[in-house]
Amino acid sequence: MKFLLIMHNNPLIWDALTEQERNEVMTGHGAFMETVTKSGEMVGTVALAGPSQSAVVRIRDGVPAVTDGPYLEAKEYLGGYYLVECDSRERALELAALIPDAGVQGLGVEVRPVVFAGTADG
């Protein structure tokens, strides 16, 4: 089964961490990626730029309208994800608990089953 382990970021929480705490989170991702790669459970991962670098496209009267910034005004935004393939939901929850963001007060890792996944080659 495939699961998306979704990391949401809150700039207020991140900025309140010490530099050492932020470094521990960042280096912890390297250890996590090594663990799930060695176990064969890693499918892929993506880290996203902050919402200030995003744009939203909406079609209005047949014309694309582009606005800068995130889709919604929110305290938290999608920071990135890991796509893993493992035997069960319980294992996906175990893996999510290994992601350093899960240990930061005020943050967490959302675990969501994948019900469809397509590829560029079919």
N, C-alpha and C. Protein backbone atom coordinates (compact mmCIF):
# COMPACT_ATOMS: atom_id res chain seq x y z
N MET A 1 0.84 -1.18 0.00
CA MET A 1 0.00 0.00 0.00
C MET A 1 0.89 1.24 0.00
N LYS A 2 0.44 2.26 -0.73
CA LYS A 2 1.18 3.52 -0.74
C LYS A 2 0.51 4.52 0.19
N PHE A 3 1.35 5.30 0.86
CA PHE A 3 0.88 6.33 1.77
C PHE A 3 1.65 7.60 1.52
N LEU A 4 0.96 8.73 1.64
CA LEU A 4 1.60 10.02 1.58
C LEU A 4 1.77 10.50 3.02
N LEU A 5 3.01 10.78 3.39
CA LEU A 5 3.32 11.31 4.71
C LEU A 5 3.52 12.80 4.51
N ILE A 6 2.53 13.58 4.91
CA ILE A 6 2.46 15.00 4.57
C ILE A 6 2.95 15.86 5.72
N MET A 7 3.91 16.73 5.40
CA MET A 7 4.45 17.64 6.40
C MET A 7 3.91 19.04 6.17
N HIS A 8 3.21 19.56 7.15
CA HIS A 8 2.72 20.93 7.10
C HIS A 8 3.69 21.79 7.88
N ASN A 9 3.87 23.01 7.44
CA ASN A 9 4.80 23.90 8.11
C ASN A 9 4.04 25.12 8.61
N ASN A 10 4.45 25.63 9.75
CA ASN A 10 3.90 26.85 10.31
C ASN A 10 5.09 27.76 10.59
N PRO A 11 5.23 28.85 9.84
CA PRO A 11 6.38 29.72 10.01
C PRO A 11 6.55 30.25 11.43
N LEU A 12 5.46 30.49 12.14
CA LEU A 12 5.58 30.99 13.51
C LEU A 12 6.23 29.95 14.42
N ILE A 13 5.86 28.70 14.24
CA ILE A 13 6.46 27.63 15.04
C ILE A 13 7.91 27.43 14.64
N TRP A 14 8.17 27.38 13.34
CA TRP A 14 9.54 27.17 12.84
C TRP A 14 10.46 28.28 13.32
N ASP A 15 10.01 29.54 13.21
CA ASP A 15 10.84 30.67 13.60
C ASP A 15 11.09 30.72 15.10
N ALA A 16 10.21 30.11 15.90
CA ALA A 16 10.38 30.09 17.35
C ALA A 16 11.41 29.05 17.80
N LEU A 17 11.78 28.12 16.92
CA LEU A 17 12.78 27.12 17.26
C LEU A 17 14.16 27.76 17.29
N THR A 18 15.04 27.19 18.09
CA THR A 18 16.42 27.66 18.08
C THR A 18 17.09 27.18 16.80
N GLU A 19 18.21 27.76 16.47
CA GLU A 19 18.95 27.32 15.29
C GLU A 19 19.34 25.85 15.41
N GLN A 20 19.72 25.43 16.61
CA GLN A 20 20.07 24.03 16.84
C GLN A 20 18.88 23.11 16.60
N GLU A 21 17.70 23.52 17.09
CA GLU A 21 16.50 22.70 16.87
C GLU A 21 16.16 22.60 15.38
N ARG A 22 16.27 23.70 14.67
CA ARG A 22 16.00 23.67 13.21
C ARG A 22 17.00 22.76 12.50
N ASN A 23 18.27 22.85 12.90
CA ASN A 23 19.29 21.98 12.29
C ASN A 23 19.02 20.51 12.58
N GLU A 24 18.55 20.20 13.79
CA GLU A 24 18.23 18.81 14.14
C GLU A 24 17.08 18.28 13.27
N VAL A 25 16.09 19.12 13.03
CA VAL A 25 14.98 18.70 12.16
C VAL A 25 15.52 18.43 10.75
N MET A 26 16.30 19.34 10.23
CA MET A 26 16.80 19.20 8.86
C MET A 26 17.71 17.98 8.71
N THR A 27 18.63 17.76 9.64
CA THR A 27 19.50 16.59 9.53
C THR A 27 18.73 15.31 9.81
N GLY A 28 17.68 15.40 10.60
CA GLY A 28 16.83 14.25 10.86
C GLY A 28 16.14 13.74 9.60
N HIS A 29 15.88 14.63 8.67
CA HIS A 29 15.28 14.20 7.40
C HIS A 29 16.25 13.32 6.62
N GLY A 30 17.53 13.64 6.67
CA GLY A 30 18.53 12.80 6.01
C GLY A 30 18.53 11.40 6.58
N ALA A 31 18.47 11.29 7.89
CA ALA A 31 18.44 9.98 8.55
C ALA A 31 17.17 9.23 8.19
N PHE A 32 16.04 9.94 8.16
CA PHE A 32 14.77 9.29 7.79
C PHE A 32 14.84 8.76 6.37
N MET A 33 15.34 9.57 5.44
CA MET A 33 15.42 9.15 4.04
C MET A 33 16.33 7.93 3.89
N GLU A 34 17.41 7.90 4.65
CA GLU A 34 18.30 6.74 4.61
C GLU A 34 17.58 5.49 5.12
N THR A 35 16.81 5.63 6.20
CA THR A 35 16.08 4.50 6.78
C THR A 35 15.07 3.92 5.79
N VAL A 36 14.23 4.78 5.20
CA VAL A 36 13.19 4.26 4.31
C VAL A 36 13.73 3.84 2.95
N THR A 37 14.87 4.37 2.57
CA THR A 37 15.51 3.92 1.33
C THR A 37 16.09 2.52 1.54
N LYS A 38 16.79 2.33 2.65
CA LYS A 38 17.37 1.01 2.95
C LYS A 38 16.29 -0.06 3.11
N SER A 39 15.14 0.32 3.68
CA SER A 39 14.07 -0.66 3.89
C SER A 39 13.31 -0.95 2.60
N GLY A 40 13.55 -0.14 1.55
CA GLY A 40 12.85 -0.32 0.29
C GLY A 40 11.46 0.30 0.27
N GLU A 41 11.12 1.09 1.29
CA GLU A 41 9.78 1.66 1.39
C GLU A 41 9.67 3.05 0.75
N MET A 42 10.79 3.68 0.42
CA MET A 42 10.76 5.02 -0.17
C MET A 42 10.34 4.94 -1.63
N VAL A 43 9.33 5.71 -1.99
CA VAL A 43 8.94 5.84 -3.38
C VAL A 43 9.45 7.17 -3.91
N GLY A 44 9.28 8.23 -3.12
CA GLY A 44 9.75 9.55 -3.52
C GLY A 44 9.50 10.57 -2.43
N THR A 45 10.09 11.74 -2.61
CA THR A 45 9.91 12.82 -1.65
C THR A 45 9.99 14.15 -2.36
N VAL A 46 9.33 15.15 -1.80
CA VAL A 46 9.35 16.49 -2.35
C VAL A 46 9.35 17.48 -1.20
N ALA A 47 10.24 18.48 -1.28
CA ALA A 47 10.21 19.62 -0.37
C ALA A 47 9.80 20.83 -1.21
N LEU A 48 8.87 21.60 -0.70
CA LEU A 48 8.32 22.72 -1.46
C LEU A 48 8.85 24.05 -0.94
N ALA A 49 8.96 25.02 -1.86
CA ALA A 49 9.30 26.38 -1.47
C ALA A 49 8.15 26.96 -0.65
N GLY A 50 8.42 28.03 0.05
CA GLY A 50 7.40 28.67 0.87
C GLY A 50 6.27 29.26 0.03
N PRO A 51 5.13 29.50 0.65
CA PRO A 51 3.96 29.99 -0.09
C PRO A 51 4.17 31.36 -0.72
N SER A 52 5.12 32.13 -0.24
CA SER A 52 5.37 33.45 -0.85
C SER A 52 5.87 33.31 -2.28
N GLN A 53 6.35 32.12 -2.64
CA GLN A 53 6.85 31.88 -4.00
C GLN A 53 5.81 31.19 -4.88
N SER A 54 4.60 31.00 -4.38
CA SER A 54 3.59 30.29 -5.14
C SER A 54 2.70 31.26 -5.91
N ALA A 55 1.94 30.70 -6.83
CA ALA A 55 0.94 31.44 -7.58
C ALA A 55 -0.28 30.55 -7.72
N VAL A 56 -1.45 31.16 -7.86
CA VAL A 56 -2.70 30.43 -8.02
C VAL A 56 -3.30 30.83 -9.36
N VAL A 57 -3.69 29.83 -10.15
CA VAL A 57 -4.30 30.07 -11.45
C VAL A 57 -5.77 29.69 -11.36
N ARG A 58 -6.62 30.61 -11.75
CA ARG A 58 -8.06 30.38 -11.82
C ARG A 58 -8.53 30.83 -13.19
N ILE A 59 -9.48 30.10 -13.76
CA ILE A 59 -10.06 30.51 -15.04
C ILE A 59 -11.34 31.29 -14.74
N ARG A 60 -11.39 32.52 -15.24
CA ARG A 60 -12.57 33.38 -15.05
C ARG A 60 -13.02 33.87 -16.42
N ASP A 61 -14.24 33.52 -16.79
CA ASP A 61 -14.78 33.87 -18.11
C ASP A 61 -13.86 33.40 -19.23
N GLY A 62 -13.29 32.21 -19.06
CA GLY A 62 -12.43 31.62 -20.07
C GLY A 62 -11.02 32.17 -20.12
N VAL A 63 -10.68 33.06 -19.21
CA VAL A 63 -9.37 33.69 -19.20
C VAL A 63 -8.63 33.31 -17.91
N PRO A 64 -7.38 32.86 -18.04
CA PRO A 64 -6.62 32.56 -16.84
C PRO A 64 -6.35 33.83 -16.02
N ALA A 65 -6.61 33.74 -14.73
CA ALA A 65 -6.29 34.83 -13.81
C ALA A 65 -5.26 34.29 -12.82
N VAL A 66 -4.11 34.92 -12.77
CA VAL A 66 -3.02 34.45 -11.92
C VAL A 66 -2.82 35.44 -10.78
N THR A 67 -2.80 34.90 -9.55
CA THR A 67 -2.51 35.74 -8.38
C THR A 67 -1.32 35.15 -7.65
N ASP A 68 -0.51 36.02 -7.09
CA ASP A 68 0.65 35.58 -6.33
C ASP A 68 0.22 35.12 -4.95
N GLY A 69 0.99 34.20 -4.40
CA GLY A 69 0.76 33.77 -3.04
C GLY A 69 -0.01 32.47 -2.94
N PRO A 70 -0.24 32.03 -1.72
CA PRO A 70 -0.87 30.72 -1.50
C PRO A 70 -2.34 30.71 -1.89
N TYR A 71 -2.85 29.51 -2.07
CA TYR A 71 -4.25 29.32 -2.42
C TYR A 71 -5.17 29.90 -1.35
N LEU A 72 -4.85 29.65 -0.10
CA LEU A 72 -5.64 30.14 1.02
C LEU A 72 -4.74 30.85 2.01
N GLU A 73 -5.28 31.82 2.70
CA GLU A 73 -4.56 32.42 3.82
C GLU A 73 -4.68 31.45 4.98
N ALA A 74 -3.57 30.97 5.45
CA ALA A 74 -3.60 29.99 6.53
C ALA A 74 -2.32 30.12 7.35
N LYS A 75 -2.37 29.63 8.58
CA LYS A 75 -1.18 29.61 9.43
C LYS A 75 -0.21 28.54 8.96
N GLU A 76 -0.76 27.43 8.48
CA GLU A 76 0.07 26.31 8.05
C GLU A 76 -0.03 26.14 6.55
N TYR A 77 1.03 25.62 5.97
CA TYR A 77 1.02 25.34 4.54
C TYR A 77 1.77 24.04 4.29
N LEU A 78 1.51 23.45 3.12
CA LEU A 78 2.16 22.21 2.75
C LEU A 78 3.64 22.49 2.52
N GLY A 79 4.47 21.82 3.31
CA GLY A 79 5.92 22.03 3.19
C GLY A 79 6.59 20.96 2.35
N GLY A 80 6.01 19.78 2.31
CA GLY A 80 6.58 18.69 1.54
C GLY A 80 5.95 17.38 1.93
N TYR A 81 6.44 16.31 1.28
CA TYR A 81 5.87 15.01 1.60
C TYR A 81 6.86 13.90 1.25
N TYR A 82 6.61 12.76 1.84
CA TYR A 82 7.26 11.51 1.47
C TYR A 82 6.18 10.59 0.94
N LEU A 83 6.45 9.93 -0.17
CA LEU A 83 5.58 8.89 -0.67
C LEU A 83 6.26 7.58 -0.36
N VAL A 84 5.59 6.75 0.43
CA VAL A 84 6.17 5.48 0.84
C VAL A 84 5.25 4.34 0.44
N GLU A 85 5.83 3.18 0.31
CA GLU A 85 5.05 1.97 0.06
C GLU A 85 5.42 0.99 1.15
N CYS A 86 4.41 0.61 1.93
CA CYS A 86 4.66 -0.29 3.05
C CYS A 86 3.47 -1.24 3.20
N ASP A 87 3.60 -2.19 4.10
CA ASP A 87 2.63 -3.27 4.23
C ASP A 87 1.30 -2.88 4.85
N SER A 88 1.29 -1.80 5.66
CA SER A 88 0.06 -1.51 6.40
C SER A 88 0.01 -0.06 6.85
N ARG A 89 -1.17 0.35 7.25
CA ARG A 89 -1.36 1.68 7.83
C ARG A 89 -0.52 1.83 9.09
N GLU A 90 -0.46 0.77 9.88
CA GLU A 90 0.31 0.81 11.12
C GLU A 90 1.78 1.10 10.83
N ARG A 91 2.33 0.47 9.77
CA ARG A 91 3.72 0.73 9.41
C ARG A 91 3.88 2.17 8.92
N ALA A 92 2.91 2.68 8.16
CA ALA A 92 2.97 4.06 7.71
C ALA A 92 2.98 5.02 8.90
N LEU A 93 2.20 4.71 9.92
CA LEU A 93 2.18 5.53 11.14
C LEU A 93 3.53 5.46 11.85
N GLU A 94 4.14 4.28 11.88
CA GLU A 94 5.49 4.13 12.47
C GLU A 94 6.50 5.00 11.72
N LEU A 95 6.43 4.97 10.39
CA LEU A 95 7.35 5.77 9.59
C LEU A 95 7.13 7.26 9.83
N ALA A 96 5.87 7.68 9.90
CA ALA A 96 5.57 9.09 10.15
C ALA A 96 6.16 9.56 11.47
N ALA A 97 6.15 8.69 12.45
CA ALA A 97 6.69 9.04 13.76
C ALA A 97 8.21 9.22 13.72
N LEU A 98 8.87 8.68 12.70
CA LEU A 98 10.31 8.85 12.55
C LEU A 98 10.69 10.17 11.89
N ILE A 99 9.74 10.84 11.28
CA ILE A 99 10.01 12.12 10.62
C ILE A 99 10.18 13.17 11.71
N PRO A 100 11.27 13.93 11.68
CA PRO A 100 11.56 14.85 12.78
C PRO A 100 10.48 15.91 13.04
N ASP A 101 9.74 16.30 12.02
CA ASP A 101 8.68 17.28 12.21
C ASP A 101 7.64 16.80 13.22
N ALA A 102 7.44 15.49 13.31
CA ALA A 102 6.45 14.94 14.23
C ALA A 102 6.82 15.23 15.68
N GLY A 103 8.09 15.46 15.95
CA GLY A 103 8.55 15.74 17.31
C GLY A 103 8.55 17.21 17.68
N VAL A 104 8.16 18.08 16.76
CA VAL A 104 8.14 19.52 17.04
C VAL A 104 6.77 19.90 17.57
N GLN A 105 6.75 20.49 18.76
CA GLN A 105 5.49 20.93 19.38
C GLN A 105 4.74 21.85 18.42
N GLY A 106 3.48 21.52 18.13
CA GLY A 106 2.66 22.33 17.25
C GLY A 106 2.64 21.86 15.81
N LEU A 107 3.51 20.92 15.47
CA LEU A 107 3.53 20.36 14.12
C LEU A 107 3.16 18.89 14.18
N GLY A 108 2.99 18.27 13.04
CA GLY A 108 2.68 16.85 12.97
C GLY A 108 2.85 16.39 11.55
N VAL A 109 2.68 15.12 11.33
CA VAL A 109 2.78 14.54 10.00
C VAL A 109 1.46 13.83 9.71
N GLU A 110 0.80 14.26 8.65
CA GLU A 110 -0.46 13.65 8.24
C GLU A 110 -0.16 12.41 7.42
N VAL A 111 -0.85 11.33 7.72
CA VAL A 111 -0.69 10.07 6.98
C VAL A 111 -1.97 9.82 6.21
N ARG A 112 -1.82 9.73 4.86
CA ARG A 112 -3.01 9.56 4.03
C ARG A 112 -2.76 8.46 3.00
N PRO A 113 -3.65 7.47 2.93
CA PRO A 113 -3.50 6.42 1.91
C PRO A 113 -3.63 7.01 0.50
N VAL A 114 -2.88 6.46 -0.42
CA VAL A 114 -2.98 6.85 -1.83
C VAL A 114 -3.98 5.90 -2.50
N VAL A 115 -4.98 6.47 -3.14
CA VAL A 115 -5.99 5.63 -3.80
C VAL A 115 -5.78 5.54 -5.31
N PHE A 116 -4.98 6.44 -5.86
CA PHE A 116 -4.63 6.39 -7.28
C PHE A 116 -3.31 7.11 -7.46
N ALA A 117 -2.45 6.56 -8.29
CA ALA A 117 -1.19 7.21 -8.64
C ALA A 117 -0.91 6.95 -10.11
N GLY A 118 -0.74 8.00 -10.88
CA GLY A 118 -0.41 7.87 -12.30
C GLY A 118 1.05 8.23 -12.51
N THR A 119 1.55 7.90 -13.68
CA THR A 119 2.93 8.24 -14.03
C THR A 119 2.95 8.90 -15.40
N ALA A 120 4.03 9.57 -15.70
CA ALA A 120 4.16 10.27 -16.98
C ALA A 120 4.20 9.28 -18.15
N ASP A 121 4.64 8.05 -17.89
CA ASP A 121 4.76 7.08 -18.98
C ASP A 121 3.57 6.12 -19.04
N GLY A 122 2.50 6.47 -18.39
CA GLY A 122 1.31 5.64 -18.53
C GLY A 122 0.84 5.19 -17.23
